[in-house]
Amino acid sequence: MKNIKIFAFLVVALFGVLLMSAAFDDAGSGVLYRYDFRTELDTITDTGATTFTIPAALHSKWAYNWDFEASELTGTTDLTCVIQEQAVGDGPWTQVGTIDLDGDSSGRVVGATVYGLKQRCICTGTGTQSTQIDVYAVFKKD
């Protein structure tokens, strides 16, 4: 009987640990170990620009990937996307990565560590073009 009680206790404890670990990936829990960000499709025309800002504050050490997919609507796609970080709430933005997208293309910017609290991406066009841009970012807490 004692062995059954110990076994039951271990099963309940394991179940509790599994529930707690699942909560860590939940944005509502306040503790994020992974954060996904996806934009709605945006269109950049000629020398226009669009900014994608991560709406979460990234405390502690995070690794990141920004993925881009550009589709030409008219003309030839010529975009430059710059990744920036902000160390404090109203401080200056610092460039930490960049990628050029030409034609129908895709690309990725990878970073080992986010040193700031916030990140954003500014995509700017050049020349005469109209391009649809799809942006997806994944942040993983180290």
Foldseek 3Di string as FASTA:
>chain_A
DVVVVVVVVVVVVVVVVVVVVVLQCPPVNVHHQKDKDKDDKDKAFAFRKDKFKDPFFDPDWKKKKKKKWKAFPDDKWWKKKWKWADADDPHDTDTDDMDIDIGGDMDMDIGRTRNHGIMMMMMTTHGGTMMIMIMMMMMGHD
